[in-house]
Amino acid sequence: MDFLKNKLLTIVLVLCLAFTIFIGITAGNKGNTGIVQNILTTGFRPLQKTLYVAGQRISNIFQFVSSLASLKKKTMS
């Protein structure tokens, strides 16, 4: 069981490092981007949009629950 946890941790750390390096490399390219970056950007755009919308909906749910709790607290006082 410890092996699986360590393996998962290793995979997560390697992915984080790879993404950090990728961000560092692409952050400097402000002008003309390469074809690989264009393909990646175009390919990940639907996923980014989906995750953004899901995050906004989750945020709205928490804000709604918070406002209900606040309203309940005000009416009980």
C-alpha atoms as a PDB file:
ATOM      1  CA  MET A   1       0.000   0.000   0.000  1.00  0.00           C
ATOM      2  CA  ASP A   2       2.853   2.396   0.795  1.00  0.00           C
ATOM      3  CA  PHE A   3       4.330   1.666  -2.620  1.00  0.00           C
ATOM      4  CA  LEU A   4       1.159   2.879  -4.340  1.00  0.00           C
ATOM      5  CA  LYS A   5       1.103   6.061  -2.278  1.00  0.00           C
ATOM      6  CA  ASN A   6       4.759   6.756  -3.003  1.00  0.00           C
ATOM      7  CA  LYS A   7       4.258   5.979  -6.689  1.00  0.00           C
ATOM      8  CA  LEU A   8       1.289   8.345  -6.858  1.00  0.00           C
ATOM      9  CA  LEU A   9       3.223  11.056  -5.034  1.00  0.00           C
ATOM     10  CA  THR A  10       6.145  10.623  -7.425  1.00  0.00           C
ATOM     11  CA  ILE A  11       3.853  10.906 -10.448  1.00  0.00           C
ATOM     12  CA  VAL A  12       2.187  14.033  -9.058  1.00  0.00           C
ATOM     13  CA  LEU A  13       5.539  15.663  -8.284  1.00  0.00           C
ATOM     14  CA  VAL A  14       6.929  14.850 -11.732  1.00  0.00           C
ATOM     15  CA  LEU A  15       3.818  16.270 -13.408  1.00  0.00           C
ATOM     16  CA  CYS A  16       4.001  19.432 -11.299  1.00  0.00           C
ATOM     17  CA  LEU A  17       7.644  19.873 -12.230  1.00  0.00           C
ATOM     18  CA  ALA A  18       6.897  19.286 -15.919  1.00  0.00           C
ATOM     19  CA  PHE A  19       4.032  21.785 -15.907  1.00  0.00           C
ATOM     20  CA  THR A  20       6.165  24.352 -14.090  1.00  0.00           C
ATOM     21  CA  ILE A  21       8.927  23.984 -16.654  1.00  0.00           C
ATOM     22  CA  PHE A  22       6.384  24.206 -19.492  1.00  0.00           C
ATOM     23  CA  ILE A  23       4.914  27.389 -18.009  1.00  0.00           C
ATOM     24  CA  GLY A  24       8.388  28.879 -17.616  1.00  0.00           C
ATOM     25  CA  ILE A  25       9.299  28.128 -21.207  1.00  0.00           C
ATOM     26  CA  THR A  26       6.074  29.437 -22.691  1.00  0.00           C
ATOM     27  CA  ALA A  27       5.826  32.521 -20.449  1.00  0.00           C
ATOM     28  CA  GLY A  28       8.703  34.197 -22.258  1.00  0.00           C
ATOM     29  CA  ASN A  29       7.121  33.784 -25.702  1.00  0.00           C
ATOM     30  CA  LYS A  30       4.955  36.870 -26.055  1.00  0.00           C
ATOM     31  CA  GLY A  31       4.986  37.281 -29.803  1.00  0.00           C
ATOM     32  CA  ASN A  32       4.827  34.685 -32.527  1.00  0.00           C
ATOM     33  CA  THR A  33       4.069  31.292 -31.010  1.00  0.00           C
ATOM     34  CA  GLY A  34       5.085  27.986 -32.503  1.00  0.00           C
ATOM     35  CA  ILE A  35       2.840  25.448 -34.130  1.00  0.00           C
ATOM     36  CA  VAL A  36       3.102  23.047 -31.172  1.00  0.00           C
ATOM     37  CA  GLN A  37       1.944  25.714 -28.744  1.00  0.00           C
ATOM     38  CA  ASN A  38      -0.904  26.688 -31.064  1.00  0.00           C
ATOM     39  CA  ILE A  39      -2.034  23.072 -31.275  1.00  0.00           C
ATOM     40  CA  LEU A  40      -1.836  22.628 -27.496  1.00  0.00           C
ATOM     41  CA  THR A  41      -3.655  25.879 -26.846  1.00  0.00           C
ATOM     42  CA  THR A  42      -6.404  25.016 -29.293  1.00  0.00           C
ATOM     43  CA  GLY A  43      -6.679  21.487 -27.950  1.00  0.00           C
ATOM     44  CA  PHE A  44      -6.905  22.461 -24.286  1.00  0.00           C
ATOM     45  CA  ARG A  45      -9.269  25.403 -24.771  1.00  0.00           C
ATOM     46  CA  PRO A  46     -12.482  23.323 -24.446  1.00  0.00           C
ATOM     47  CA  LEU A  47     -11.142  21.646 -21.298  1.00  0.00           C
ATOM     48  CA  GLN A  48     -10.173  25.008 -19.796  1.00  0.00           C
ATOM     49  CA  LYS A  49     -13.601  26.436 -20.585  1.00  0.00           C
ATOM     50  CA  THR A  50     -15.357  23.431 -19.051  1.00  0.00           C
ATOM     51  CA  LEU A  51     -13.258  23.589 -15.890  1.00  0.00           C
ATOM     52  CA  TYR A  52     -13.766  27.354 -15.625  1.00  0.00           C
ATOM     53  CA  VAL A  53     -17.542  27.057 -15.948  1.00  0.00           C
ATOM     54  CA  ALA A  54     -17.614  24.206 -13.417  1.00  0.00           C
ATOM     55  CA  GLY A  55     -15.528  26.280 -11.002  1.00  0.00           C
ATOM     56  CA  GLN A  56     -17.831  29.250 -11.395  1.00  0.00           C
ATOM     57  CA  ARG A  57     -20.889  27.108 -10.703  1.00  0.00           C
ATOM     58  CA  ILE A  58     -19.294  25.616  -7.598  1.00  0.00           C
ATOM     59  CA  SER A  59     -18.326  29.103  -6.446  1.00  0.00           C
ATOM     60  CA  ASN A  60     -21.888  30.308  -7.011  1.00  0.00           C
ATOM     61  CA  ILE A  61     -23.253  27.423  -4.948  1.00  0.00           C
ATOM     62  CA  PHE A  62     -20.962  28.285  -2.040  1.00  0.00           C
ATOM     63  CA  GLN A  63     -21.895  31.969  -2.280  1.00  0.00           C
ATOM     64  CA  PHE A  64     -25.593  31.059  -2.306  1.00  0.00           C
ATOM     65  CA  VAL A  65     -25.237  28.823   0.757  1.00  0.00           C
ATOM     66  CA  SER A  66     -23.216  31.515   2.511  1.00  0.00           C
ATOM     67  CA  SER A  67     -25.842  34.149   1.764  1.00  0.00           C
ATOM     68  CA  LEU A  68     -28.596  31.833   3.028  1.00  0.00           C
ATOM     69  CA  ALA A  69     -26.669  31.276   6.250  1.00  0.00           C
ATOM     70  CA  SER A  70     -26.152  35.013   6.618  1.00  0.00           C
ATOM     71  CA  LEU A  71     -29.831  35.698   5.978  1.00  0.00           C
ATOM     72  CA  LYS A  72     -30.851  33.044   8.498  1.00  0.00           C
ATOM     73  CA  LYS A  73     -28.502  34.559  11.074  1.00  0.00           C
ATOM     74  CA  LYS A  74     -30.011  38.021  10.495  1.00  0.00           C
ATOM     75  CA  THR A  75     -33.586  36.792  10.809  1.00  0.00           C
ATOM     76  CA  MET A  76     -32.827  34.856  14.007  1.00  0.00           C
ATOM     77  CA  SER A  77     -31.351  37.951  15.694  1.00  0.00           C
END
